Amino acid sequence: MQTDEQVPGSKTGLFKPSGTFCVLVGVTGSVAALKLPQLVSQLLQLPQVDVRVVTTEHAQHFYDPSEVSVKIYSDNDEWELWTQRSDPVLHIELRRWADLFVIAPLDANTLGKVASGICDNLLTCVVRAWDTSRPLLFCPAMNTAMWKHPITAQQVSRLKEFGYVEVPCISKKLVCGDEGKGAMAEVSTIVSVVEH
């Protein structure tokens, strides 16, 4: 009989069934994070797709975890999982598990971190450890004034240089009342890009 330590993925919950395409959804602290339940639900409708979520602390302000039907990993999980040298490192296990990483929304703060190589939370550690032969999609979402700031274009360009794929933001009236570009792409658009 195998113990938990002998069964791959048992401690992390990251089992990878044969023939399944594993999508890791990263969610950061933009108001667009409120669309997480809808995004996960639509991704799960794709055939042979399994989904897990990695969240930043600030993203948790915008969605109700009880409305998300898959496992959500946070910074606490990383530190609670690793208690001794032989324990799995969660950001590495998530990278190994996922066939595709989609960060939706990618807020201005995390965009800056990723463009600079900063890895100070679970999500940014997964990005830094990401196998660049696998697709990473990013869906920017921020206030129009933040989107128009000159540094934003530089940071988006940097991510593309890494081989990551942008799912462009759109123009609309934002929750803050401003109108213009900066809203996250529609969920249906993101799911369509994942599907292809």
N, C-alpha and C. Protein backbone atom coordinates (compact mmCIF):
# COMPACT_ATOMS: atom_id res chain seq x y z
N MET A 1 0.84 -1.19 0.00
CA MET A 1 0.00 0.00 0.00
C MET A 1 0.88 1.25 0.00
N GLN A 2 0.53 2.23 -0.87
CA GLN A 2 1.34 3.44 -0.98
C GLN A 2 0.91 4.47 0.07
N THR A 3 1.91 5.16 0.61
CA THR A 3 1.62 6.27 1.51
C THR A 3 1.43 7.52 0.67
N ASP A 4 0.97 8.61 1.28
CA ASP A 4 0.78 9.86 0.56
C ASP A 4 2.06 10.31 -0.13
N GLU A 5 3.20 10.08 0.53
CA GLU A 5 4.46 10.53 -0.03
C GLU A 5 4.84 9.76 -1.30
N GLN A 6 4.28 8.54 -1.47
CA GLN A 6 4.63 7.72 -2.63
C GLN A 6 3.68 7.93 -3.81
N VAL A 7 2.54 8.57 -3.59
CA VAL A 7 1.58 8.80 -4.65
C VAL A 7 1.82 10.19 -5.23
N PRO A 8 2.20 10.28 -6.54
CA PRO A 8 2.47 11.59 -7.13
C PRO A 8 1.27 12.51 -6.99
N GLY A 9 1.52 13.74 -6.52
CA GLY A 9 0.47 14.74 -6.43
C GLY A 9 -0.43 14.62 -5.22
N SER A 10 -0.23 13.61 -4.36
CA SER A 10 -1.17 13.41 -3.26
C SER A 10 -1.11 14.54 -2.24
N LYS A 11 0.05 15.07 -1.99
CA LYS A 11 0.17 16.12 -0.98
C LYS A 11 -0.31 17.47 -1.52
N THR A 12 -0.19 17.66 -2.83
CA THR A 12 -0.57 18.93 -3.44
C THR A 12 -1.97 18.91 -4.04
N GLY A 13 -2.53 17.73 -4.27
CA GLY A 13 -3.81 17.62 -4.95
C GLY A 13 -3.69 17.80 -6.45
N LEU A 14 -2.47 17.74 -6.97
CA LEU A 14 -2.23 17.99 -8.39
C LEU A 14 -2.05 16.68 -9.16
N PHE A 15 -3.12 15.97 -9.33
CA PHE A 15 -3.09 14.75 -10.13
C PHE A 15 -3.30 15.12 -11.59
N LYS A 16 -2.62 14.41 -12.48
CA LYS A 16 -2.69 14.73 -13.91
C LYS A 16 -3.14 13.49 -14.67
N PRO A 17 -4.45 13.30 -14.82
CA PRO A 17 -4.94 12.13 -15.53
C PRO A 17 -4.49 12.12 -16.98
N SER A 18 -4.23 10.95 -17.50
CA SER A 18 -3.80 10.80 -18.88
C SER A 18 -4.86 11.37 -19.83
N GLY A 19 -4.42 12.10 -20.85
CA GLY A 19 -5.33 12.66 -21.84
C GLY A 19 -6.01 13.95 -21.41
N THR A 20 -5.66 14.45 -20.23
CA THR A 20 -6.28 15.69 -19.73
C THR A 20 -5.35 16.87 -19.99
N PHE A 21 -5.94 17.98 -20.44
CA PHE A 21 -5.19 19.22 -20.65
C PHE A 21 -5.38 20.07 -19.41
N CYS A 22 -4.29 20.38 -18.72
CA CYS A 22 -4.35 21.06 -17.43
C CYS A 22 -4.10 22.55 -17.57
N VAL A 23 -5.09 23.35 -17.16
CA VAL A 23 -5.03 24.80 -17.27
C VAL A 23 -4.92 25.39 -15.87
N LEU A 24 -3.86 26.15 -15.65
CA LEU A 24 -3.69 26.88 -14.40
C LEU A 24 -4.13 28.32 -14.64
N VAL A 25 -5.08 28.79 -13.84
CA VAL A 25 -5.57 30.16 -13.94
C VAL A 25 -4.96 30.97 -12.82
N GLY A 26 -4.24 32.03 -13.18
CA GLY A 26 -3.72 32.96 -12.20
C GLY A 26 -4.65 34.15 -12.11
N VAL A 27 -4.93 34.60 -10.89
CA VAL A 27 -5.84 35.73 -10.71
C VAL A 27 -5.17 36.75 -9.78
N THR A 28 -5.15 38.02 -10.22
CA THR A 28 -4.47 39.07 -9.46
C THR A 28 -5.47 40.16 -9.07
N GLY A 29 -4.98 41.18 -8.35
CA GLY A 29 -5.84 42.14 -7.68
C GLY A 29 -6.43 43.24 -8.52
N SER A 30 -7.13 42.87 -9.55
CA SER A 30 -7.91 43.82 -10.35
C SER A 30 -9.39 43.52 -10.10
N VAL A 31 -10.24 44.53 -10.27
CA VAL A 31 -11.68 44.32 -10.13
C VAL A 31 -12.16 43.20 -11.05
N ALA A 32 -11.48 43.01 -12.17
CA ALA A 32 -11.87 41.96 -13.12
C ALA A 32 -11.76 40.56 -12.51
N ALA A 33 -11.11 40.44 -11.36
CA ALA A 33 -11.03 39.14 -10.68
C ALA A 33 -12.42 38.63 -10.30
N LEU A 34 -13.40 39.51 -10.26
CA LEU A 34 -14.76 39.07 -9.95
C LEU A 34 -15.31 38.12 -11.02
N LYS A 35 -14.66 38.08 -12.18
CA LYS A 35 -15.09 37.18 -13.26
C LYS A 35 -14.47 35.79 -13.14
N LEU A 36 -13.68 35.54 -12.10
CA LEU A 36 -13.03 34.24 -11.94
C LEU A 36 -14.02 33.08 -11.96
N PRO A 37 -15.12 33.11 -11.20
CA PRO A 37 -16.04 31.97 -11.23
C PRO A 37 -16.56 31.66 -12.64
N GLN A 38 -16.87 32.72 -13.38
CA GLN A 38 -17.36 32.55 -14.75
C GLN A 38 -16.28 31.95 -15.65
N LEU A 39 -15.04 32.43 -15.52
CA LEU A 39 -13.94 31.94 -16.33
C LEU A 39 -13.68 30.46 -16.06
N VAL A 40 -13.62 30.09 -14.80
CA VAL A 40 -13.38 28.69 -14.44
C VAL A 40 -14.51 27.81 -14.97
N SER A 41 -15.73 28.25 -14.78
CA SER A 41 -16.90 27.48 -15.24
C SER A 41 -16.84 27.22 -16.75
N GLN A 42 -16.50 28.27 -17.51
CA GLN A 42 -16.45 28.11 -18.97
C GLN A 42 -15.26 27.25 -19.41
N LEU A 43 -14.14 27.36 -18.73
CA LEU A 43 -12.99 26.52 -19.08
C LEU A 43 -13.31 25.04 -18.84
N LEU A 44 -14.03 24.77 -17.76
CA LEU A 44 -14.37 23.38 -17.43
C LEU A 44 -15.34 22.76 -18.44
N GLN A 45 -15.98 23.60 -19.25
CA GLN A 45 -16.87 23.08 -20.29
C GLN A 45 -16.10 22.58 -21.52
N LEU A 46 -14.82 22.94 -21.60
CA LEU A 46 -14.00 22.45 -22.71
C LEU A 46 -13.71 20.98 -22.49
N PRO A 47 -13.71 20.18 -23.54
CA PRO A 47 -13.48 18.74 -23.36
C PRO A 47 -12.07 18.43 -22.85
N GLN A 48 -12.00 17.48 -21.91
CA GLN A 48 -10.72 16.97 -21.39
C GLN A 48 -9.86 18.05 -20.74
N VAL A 49 -10.49 19.07 -20.14
CA VAL A 49 -9.75 20.15 -19.49
C VAL A 49 -9.93 20.06 -17.98
N ASP A 50 -8.82 20.16 -17.26
CA ASP A 50 -8.83 20.25 -15.80
C ASP A 50 -8.29 21.64 -15.44
N VAL A 51 -8.81 22.22 -14.38
CA VAL A 51 -8.45 23.60 -14.03
C VAL A 51 -8.08 23.67 -12.55
N ARG A 52 -7.07 24.47 -12.25
CA ARG A 52 -6.73 24.87 -10.88
C ARG A 52 -6.49 26.38 -10.92
N VAL A 53 -6.58 27.01 -9.75
CA VAL A 53 -6.41 28.46 -9.67
C VAL A 53 -5.30 28.78 -8.68
N VAL A 54 -4.48 29.76 -9.04
CA VAL A 54 -3.52 30.33 -8.10
C VAL A 54 -3.86 31.81 -7.97
N THR A 55 -4.01 32.26 -6.73
CA THR A 55 -4.49 33.61 -6.48
C THR A 55 -3.48 34.44 -5.69
N THR A 56 -3.49 35.74 -5.95
CA THR A 56 -2.75 36.64 -5.08
C THR A 56 -3.67 37.02 -3.92
N GLU A 57 -3.07 37.53 -2.88
CA GLU A 57 -3.84 37.94 -1.71
C GLU A 57 -4.85 39.03 -2.06
N HIS A 58 -4.44 40.01 -2.85
CA HIS A 58 -5.34 41.11 -3.19
C HIS A 58 -6.49 40.67 -4.10
N ALA A 59 -6.26 39.67 -4.94
CA ALA A 59 -7.34 39.17 -5.81
C ALA A 59 -8.49 38.61 -4.99
N GLN A 60 -8.18 38.05 -3.82
CA GLN A 60 -9.20 37.40 -2.99
C GLN A 60 -10.28 38.38 -2.54
N HIS A 61 -10.01 39.66 -2.62
CA HIS A 61 -10.99 40.69 -2.23
C HIS A 61 -12.17 40.72 -3.19
N PHE A 62 -11.98 40.25 -4.43
CA PHE A 62 -12.96 40.49 -5.49
C PHE A 62 -13.85 39.30 -5.84
N TYR A 63 -13.58 38.11 -5.36
CA TYR A 63 -14.41 36.96 -5.73
C TYR A 63 -14.73 36.14 -4.48
N ASP A 64 -15.78 35.35 -4.59
CA ASP A 64 -16.20 34.46 -3.51
C ASP A 64 -15.67 33.06 -3.82
N PRO A 65 -14.74 32.54 -3.02
CA PRO A 65 -14.16 31.23 -3.32
C PRO A 65 -15.20 30.11 -3.39
N SER A 66 -16.32 30.28 -2.69
CA SER A 66 -17.36 29.23 -2.72
C SER A 66 -18.02 29.14 -4.08
N GLU A 67 -17.83 30.17 -4.93
CA GLU A 67 -18.40 30.15 -6.28
C GLU A 67 -17.44 29.57 -7.31
N VAL A 68 -16.25 29.19 -6.87
CA VAL A 68 -15.23 28.62 -7.76
C VAL A 68 -15.16 27.13 -7.48
N SER A 69 -15.42 26.32 -8.50
CA SER A 69 -15.61 24.89 -8.29
C SER A 69 -14.33 24.06 -8.34
N VAL A 70 -13.18 24.72 -8.34
CA VAL A 70 -11.90 23.99 -8.38
C VAL A 70 -11.02 24.45 -7.23
N LYS A 71 -9.93 23.75 -7.02
CA LYS A 71 -8.98 24.08 -5.96
C LYS A 71 -8.32 25.43 -6.26
N ILE A 72 -8.29 26.29 -5.23
CA ILE A 72 -7.61 27.58 -5.31
C ILE A 72 -6.40 27.53 -4.39
N TYR A 73 -5.23 27.82 -4.95
CA TYR A 73 -3.99 27.83 -4.17
C TYR A 73 -3.59 29.29 -3.89
N SER A 74 -3.13 29.54 -2.66
CA SER A 74 -2.70 30.87 -2.27
C SER A 74 -1.31 30.79 -1.64
N ASP A 75 -0.78 31.95 -1.27
CA ASP A 75 0.54 31.99 -0.64
C ASP A 75 0.61 31.10 0.59
N ASN A 76 -0.45 31.06 1.38
CA ASN A 76 -0.46 30.22 2.59
C ASN A 76 -0.23 28.76 2.26
N ASP A 77 -0.80 28.29 1.15
CA ASP A 77 -0.62 26.88 0.76
C ASP A 77 0.84 26.55 0.51
N GLU A 78 1.55 27.48 -0.11
CA GLU A 78 2.98 27.25 -0.39
C GLU A 78 3.74 27.00 0.91
N TRP A 79 3.48 27.84 1.91
CA TRP A 79 4.25 27.75 3.14
C TRP A 79 3.76 26.65 4.07
N GLU A 80 2.48 26.33 4.02
CA GLU A 80 1.96 25.24 4.85
C GLU A 80 2.37 23.88 4.30
N LEU A 81 2.51 23.79 2.98
CA LEU A 81 2.89 22.53 2.34
C LEU A 81 4.34 22.16 2.63
N TRP A 82 5.20 23.17 2.66
CA TRP A 82 6.63 22.91 2.79
C TRP A 82 7.04 23.05 4.25
N THR A 83 7.26 21.90 4.90
CA THR A 83 7.67 21.91 6.30
C THR A 83 9.04 21.28 6.50
N GLN A 84 9.46 20.47 5.53
CA GLN A 84 10.79 19.86 5.62
C GLN A 84 11.37 19.71 4.22
N ARG A 85 12.64 19.43 4.17
CA ARG A 85 13.37 19.42 2.90
C ARG A 85 12.79 18.52 1.83
N SER A 86 12.21 17.42 2.20
CA SER A 86 11.70 16.46 1.21
C SER A 86 10.29 16.81 0.71
N ASP A 87 9.68 17.84 1.28
CA ASP A 87 8.32 18.21 0.86
C ASP A 87 8.34 18.85 -0.53
N PRO A 88 7.23 18.70 -1.27
CA PRO A 88 7.16 19.35 -2.58
C PRO A 88 7.12 20.88 -2.44
N VAL A 89 7.64 21.56 -3.44
CA VAL A 89 7.60 23.02 -3.50
C VAL A 89 6.43 23.37 -4.43
N LEU A 90 5.41 24.03 -3.88
CA LEU A 90 4.15 24.18 -4.60
C LEU A 90 4.29 24.90 -5.93
N HIS A 91 5.07 25.98 -5.99
CA HIS A 91 5.15 26.70 -7.27
C HIS A 91 5.81 25.85 -8.36
N ILE A 92 6.68 24.93 -7.96
CA ILE A 92 7.29 24.02 -8.93
C ILE A 92 6.28 22.93 -9.33
N GLU A 93 5.54 22.43 -8.37
CA GLU A 93 4.53 21.39 -8.66
C GLU A 93 3.43 21.94 -9.57
N LEU A 94 3.01 23.19 -9.34
CA LEU A 94 2.00 23.80 -10.21
C LEU A 94 2.54 23.96 -11.62
N ARG A 95 3.79 24.36 -11.74
CA ARG A 95 4.40 24.49 -13.07
C ARG A 95 4.46 23.14 -13.78
N ARG A 96 4.80 22.10 -13.04
CA ARG A 96 4.87 20.76 -13.65
C ARG A 96 3.50 20.26 -14.08
N TRP A 97 2.49 20.59 -13.28
CA TRP A 97 1.13 20.10 -13.54
C TRP A 97 0.52 20.76 -14.77
N ALA A 98 0.73 22.06 -14.94
CA ALA A 98 -0.01 22.84 -15.94
C ALA A 98 0.56 22.68 -17.35
N ASP A 99 -0.35 22.51 -18.30
CA ASP A 99 0.01 22.55 -19.72
C ASP A 99 -0.06 23.97 -20.25
N LEU A 100 -0.85 24.80 -19.59
CA LEU A 100 -1.04 26.18 -20.00
C LEU A 100 -1.31 27.01 -18.75
N PHE A 101 -0.78 28.21 -18.72
CA PHE A 101 -0.99 29.15 -17.62
C PHE A 101 -1.66 30.38 -18.20
N VAL A 102 -2.82 30.75 -17.69
CA VAL A 102 -3.50 31.96 -18.13
C VAL A 102 -3.69 32.86 -16.91
N ILE A 103 -3.15 34.06 -16.98
CA ILE A 103 -3.29 35.02 -15.88
C ILE A 103 -4.37 36.01 -16.28
N ALA A 104 -5.52 35.90 -15.59
CA ALA A 104 -6.69 36.69 -15.96
C ALA A 104 -7.48 37.04 -14.70
N PRO A 105 -7.41 38.27 -14.26
CA PRO A 105 -6.72 39.40 -14.85
C PRO A 105 -5.26 39.49 -14.39
N LEU A 106 -4.48 40.18 -15.20
CA LEU A 106 -3.12 40.56 -14.81
C LEU A 106 -3.15 42.05 -14.49
N ASP A 107 -3.08 42.37 -13.19
CA ASP A 107 -3.16 43.78 -12.78
C ASP A 107 -1.83 44.49 -13.02
N ALA A 108 -1.85 45.82 -12.88
CA ALA A 108 -0.66 46.63 -13.15
C ALA A 108 0.49 46.25 -12.24
N ASN A 109 0.20 45.97 -10.98
CA ASN A 109 1.25 45.63 -10.02
C ASN A 109 1.97 44.34 -10.42
N THR A 110 1.19 43.31 -10.71
CA THR A 110 1.80 42.02 -11.06
C THR A 110 2.45 42.08 -12.44
N LEU A 111 1.90 42.87 -13.35
CA LEU A 111 2.55 43.09 -14.64
C LEU A 111 3.96 43.62 -14.42
N GLY A 112 4.09 44.62 -13.56
CA GLY A 112 5.41 45.19 -13.25
C GLY A 112 6.35 44.17 -12.63
N LYS A 113 5.81 43.36 -11.73
CA LYS A 113 6.64 42.33 -11.08
C LYS A 113 7.15 41.31 -12.10
N VAL A 114 6.23 40.81 -12.93
CA VAL A 114 6.61 39.77 -13.90
C VAL A 114 7.63 40.33 -14.90
N ALA A 115 7.40 41.55 -15.37
CA ALA A 115 8.32 42.16 -16.33
C ALA A 115 9.71 42.35 -15.74
N SER A 116 9.78 42.52 -14.41
CA SER A 116 11.06 42.72 -13.73
C SER A 116 11.66 41.44 -13.15
N GLY A 117 10.92 40.33 -13.25
CA GLY A 117 11.42 39.07 -12.71
C GLY A 117 11.24 38.92 -11.22
N ILE A 118 10.43 39.78 -10.61
CA ILE A 118 10.18 39.69 -9.17
C ILE A 118 9.26 38.50 -8.90
N CYS A 119 9.60 37.74 -7.88
CA CYS A 119 8.77 36.57 -7.53
C CYS A 119 8.61 36.54 -6.01
N ASP A 120 7.65 37.32 -5.53
CA ASP A 120 7.46 37.46 -4.09
C ASP A 120 6.14 36.90 -3.58
N ASN A 121 5.45 36.14 -4.42
CA ASN A 121 4.25 35.43 -3.98
C ASN A 121 4.13 34.16 -4.81
N LEU A 122 3.14 33.34 -4.50
CA LEU A 122 3.01 32.04 -5.18
C LEU A 122 2.85 32.23 -6.68
N LEU A 123 1.97 33.15 -7.09
CA LEU A 123 1.71 33.32 -8.51
C LEU A 123 2.96 33.77 -9.26
N THR A 124 3.66 34.76 -8.74
CA THR A 124 4.85 35.24 -9.46
C THR A 124 5.99 34.22 -9.42
N CYS A 125 6.01 33.37 -8.40
CA CYS A 125 7.01 32.29 -8.38
C CYS A 125 6.70 31.25 -9.46
N VAL A 126 5.41 30.97 -9.70
CA VAL A 126 5.05 30.05 -10.79
C VAL A 126 5.50 30.65 -12.12
N VAL A 127 5.24 31.94 -12.31
CA VAL A 127 5.65 32.59 -13.56
C VAL A 127 7.16 32.51 -13.74
N ARG A 128 7.90 32.80 -12.69
CA ARG A 128 9.38 32.80 -12.79
C ARG A 128 9.92 31.40 -13.08
N ALA A 129 9.23 30.37 -12.59
CA ALA A 129 9.67 28.99 -12.81
C ALA A 129 9.05 28.38 -14.07
N TRP A 130 8.22 29.15 -14.78
CA TRP A 130 7.45 28.61 -15.90
C TRP A 130 8.34 28.05 -17.00
N ASP A 131 7.94 26.91 -17.56
CA ASP A 131 8.60 26.28 -18.70
C ASP A 131 8.14 27.03 -19.95
N THR A 132 9.01 27.83 -20.53
CA THR A 132 8.60 28.71 -21.62
C THR A 132 8.30 27.97 -22.92
N SER A 133 8.48 26.64 -22.94
CA SER A 133 8.03 25.89 -24.11
C SER A 133 6.52 25.66 -24.04
N ARG A 134 5.91 25.97 -22.91
CA ARG A 134 4.46 25.86 -22.75
C ARG A 134 3.86 27.26 -22.82
N PRO A 135 2.61 27.36 -23.29
CA PRO A 135 2.02 28.69 -23.44
C PRO A 135 1.67 29.35 -22.11
N LEU A 136 1.92 30.64 -22.04
CA LEU A 136 1.47 31.48 -20.94
C LEU A 136 0.71 32.64 -21.56
N LEU A 137 -0.56 32.74 -21.21
CA LEU A 137 -1.41 33.82 -21.70
C LEU A 137 -1.59 34.84 -20.59
N PHE A 138 -1.55 36.12 -20.93
CA PHE A 138 -1.82 37.14 -19.91
C PHE A 138 -2.87 38.12 -20.41
N CYS A 139 -3.77 38.46 -19.51
CA CYS A 139 -4.93 39.30 -19.82
C CYS A 139 -4.87 40.55 -18.97
N PRO A 140 -4.25 41.63 -19.46
CA PRO A 140 -4.11 42.82 -18.65
C PRO A 140 -5.47 43.42 -18.27
N ALA A 141 -5.52 44.03 -17.09
CA ALA A 141 -6.73 44.72 -16.64
C ALA A 141 -6.33 45.78 -15.63
N MET A 142 -6.65 47.01 -15.94
CA MET A 142 -6.30 48.12 -15.04
C MET A 142 -7.07 49.36 -15.46
N ASN A 143 -7.02 50.38 -14.63
CA ASN A 143 -7.63 51.67 -14.94
C ASN A 143 -7.03 52.24 -16.22
N THR A 144 -7.84 52.98 -16.97
CA THR A 144 -7.40 53.54 -18.25
C THR A 144 -6.15 54.40 -18.09
N ALA A 145 -6.09 55.22 -17.05
CA ALA A 145 -4.91 56.05 -16.83
C ALA A 145 -3.67 55.20 -16.59
N MET A 146 -3.83 54.09 -15.86
CA MET A 146 -2.71 53.18 -15.63
C MET A 146 -2.30 52.51 -16.94
N TRP A 147 -3.28 52.13 -17.75
CA TRP A 147 -2.99 51.50 -19.04
C TRP A 147 -2.21 52.45 -19.94
N LYS A 148 -2.57 53.75 -19.90
CA LYS A 148 -1.92 54.73 -20.78
C LYS A 148 -0.53 55.15 -20.29
N HIS A 149 -0.17 54.81 -19.06
CA HIS A 149 1.14 55.20 -18.54
C HIS A 149 2.23 54.58 -19.43
N PRO A 150 3.27 55.34 -19.76
CA PRO A 150 4.31 54.84 -20.68
C PRO A 150 4.95 53.52 -20.24
N ILE A 151 5.06 53.27 -18.95
CA ILE A 151 5.71 52.03 -18.48
C ILE A 151 4.92 50.79 -18.86
N THR A 152 3.59 50.93 -19.00
CA THR A 152 2.75 49.77 -19.29
C THR A 152 3.11 49.13 -20.62
N ALA A 153 3.23 49.94 -21.66
CA ALA A 153 3.59 49.40 -22.98
C ALA A 153 4.94 48.71 -22.93
N GLN A 154 5.89 49.28 -22.20
CA GLN A 154 7.21 48.65 -22.07
C GLN A 154 7.10 47.29 -21.38
N GLN A 155 6.29 47.23 -20.32
CA GLN A 155 6.17 45.98 -19.57
C GLN A 155 5.44 44.91 -20.37
N VAL A 156 4.39 45.30 -21.09
CA VAL A 156 3.68 44.34 -21.96
C VAL A 156 4.63 43.81 -23.03
N SER A 157 5.41 44.70 -23.62
CA SER A 157 6.39 44.31 -24.64
C SER A 157 7.41 43.33 -24.07
N ARG A 158 7.83 43.57 -22.84
CA ARG A 158 8.80 42.68 -22.18
C ARG A 158 8.23 41.28 -22.03
N LEU A 159 6.97 41.17 -21.61
CA LEU A 159 6.34 39.86 -21.45
C LEU A 159 6.27 39.13 -22.79
N LYS A 160 5.98 39.88 -23.85
CA LYS A 160 5.94 39.27 -25.19
C LYS A 160 7.33 38.78 -25.59
N GLU A 161 8.37 39.53 -25.20
CA GLU A 161 9.74 39.09 -25.48
C GLU A 161 10.04 37.76 -24.80
N PHE A 162 9.43 37.52 -23.64
CA PHE A 162 9.61 36.25 -22.94
C PHE A 162 8.89 35.10 -23.66
N GLY A 163 8.05 35.44 -24.64
CA GLY A 163 7.29 34.42 -25.36
C GLY A 163 5.87 34.27 -24.85
N TYR A 164 5.46 35.13 -23.91
CA TYR A 164 4.10 35.08 -23.39
C TYR A 164 3.14 35.73 -24.39
N VAL A 165 1.89 35.31 -24.36
CA VAL A 165 0.90 35.77 -25.33
C VAL A 165 -0.12 36.69 -24.66
N GLU A 166 -0.27 37.89 -25.20
CA GLU A 166 -1.23 38.85 -24.65
C GLU A 166 -2.62 38.58 -25.21
N VAL A 167 -3.60 38.57 -24.32
CA VAL A 167 -5.00 38.63 -24.73
C VAL A 167 -5.40 40.08 -24.42
N PRO A 168 -5.44 40.93 -25.44
CA PRO A 168 -5.51 42.38 -25.21
C PRO A 168 -6.73 42.82 -24.40
N CYS A 169 -6.52 43.89 -23.63
CA CYS A 169 -7.63 44.48 -22.89
C CYS A 169 -8.53 45.23 -23.87
N ILE A 170 -9.70 45.61 -23.40
CA ILE A 170 -10.70 46.25 -24.25
C ILE A 170 -11.12 47.59 -23.67
N SER A 171 -11.82 48.36 -24.49
CA SER A 171 -12.37 49.64 -24.05
C SER A 171 -13.80 49.46 -23.57
N LYS A 172 -14.11 50.07 -22.44
CA LYS A 172 -15.48 50.09 -21.93
C LYS A 172 -15.53 51.01 -20.72
N LYS A 173 -16.71 51.18 -20.17
CA LYS A 173 -16.84 51.95 -18.93
C LYS A 173 -16.39 51.06 -17.79
N LEU A 174 -15.38 51.49 -17.04
CA LEU A 174 -14.81 50.70 -15.97
C LEU A 174 -15.62 50.86 -14.68
N VAL A 175 -15.41 49.95 -13.74
CA VAL A 175 -16.13 49.99 -12.47
C VAL A 175 -15.91 51.32 -11.76
N CYS A 176 -14.71 51.91 -11.90
CA CYS A 176 -14.39 53.18 -11.23
C CYS A 176 -15.11 54.36 -11.86
N GLY A 177 -15.75 54.14 -13.03
CA GLY A 177 -16.46 55.22 -13.70
C GLY A 177 -15.74 55.77 -14.90
N ASP A 178 -14.42 55.55 -14.99
CA ASP A 178 -13.66 56.00 -16.16
C ASP A 178 -14.08 55.18 -17.37
N GLU A 179 -13.92 55.79 -18.55
CA GLU A 179 -14.25 55.08 -19.77
C GLU A 179 -13.03 55.06 -20.67
N GLY A 180 -12.71 53.90 -21.23
CA GLY A 180 -11.56 53.78 -22.11
C GLY A 180 -10.94 52.40 -22.03
N LYS A 181 -9.76 52.28 -22.60
CA LYS A 181 -9.09 50.98 -22.66
C LYS A 181 -8.52 50.61 -21.29
N GLY A 182 -8.52 49.32 -21.00
CA GLY A 182 -7.97 48.84 -19.74
C GLY A 182 -8.76 47.69 -19.14
N ALA A 183 -9.98 47.49 -19.61
CA ALA A 183 -10.80 46.39 -19.09
C ALA A 183 -10.28 45.05 -19.61
N MET A 184 -10.36 44.03 -18.77
CA MET A 184 -9.94 42.69 -19.19
C MET A 184 -10.78 42.23 -20.38
N ALA A 185 -10.18 41.46 -21.26
CA ALA A 185 -10.89 40.86 -22.38
C ALA A 185 -12.10 40.09 -21.85
N GLU A 186 -13.11 39.96 -22.69
CA GLU A 186 -14.30 39.20 -22.30
C GLU A 186 -13.91 37.75 -21.98
N VAL A 187 -14.61 37.15 -21.04
CA VAL A 187 -14.33 35.76 -20.66
C VAL A 187 -14.42 34.85 -21.87
N SER A 188 -15.42 35.06 -22.72
CA SER A 188 -15.58 34.20 -23.91
C SER A 188 -14.35 34.30 -24.83
N THR A 189 -13.76 35.48 -24.91
CA THR A 189 -12.55 35.66 -25.73
C THR A 189 -11.38 34.87 -25.14
N ILE A 190 -11.22 34.98 -23.81
CA ILE A 190 -10.13 34.27 -23.14
C ILE A 190 -10.28 32.76 -23.33
N VAL A 191 -11.50 32.26 -23.15
CA VAL A 191 -11.74 30.82 -23.28
C VAL A 191 -11.47 30.38 -24.72
N SER A 192 -11.84 31.21 -25.69
CA SER A 192 -11.59 30.89 -27.09
C SER A 192 -10.09 30.80 -27.38
N VAL A 193 -9.30 31.71 -26.81
CA VAL A 193 -7.84 31.67 -27.01
C VAL A 193 -7.27 30.41 -26.36
N VAL A 194 -7.74 30.07 -25.17
CA VAL A 194 -7.29 28.83 -24.49
C VAL A 194 -7.63 27.62 -25.36
N GLU A 195 -8.83 27.62 -25.91
CA GLU A 195 -9.28 26.48 -26.71
C GLU A 195 -8.40 26.27 -27.93
N HIS A 196 -7.95 27.37 -28.54
CA HIS A 196 -7.13 27.25 -29.74
C HIS A 196 -5.67 27.06 -29.41
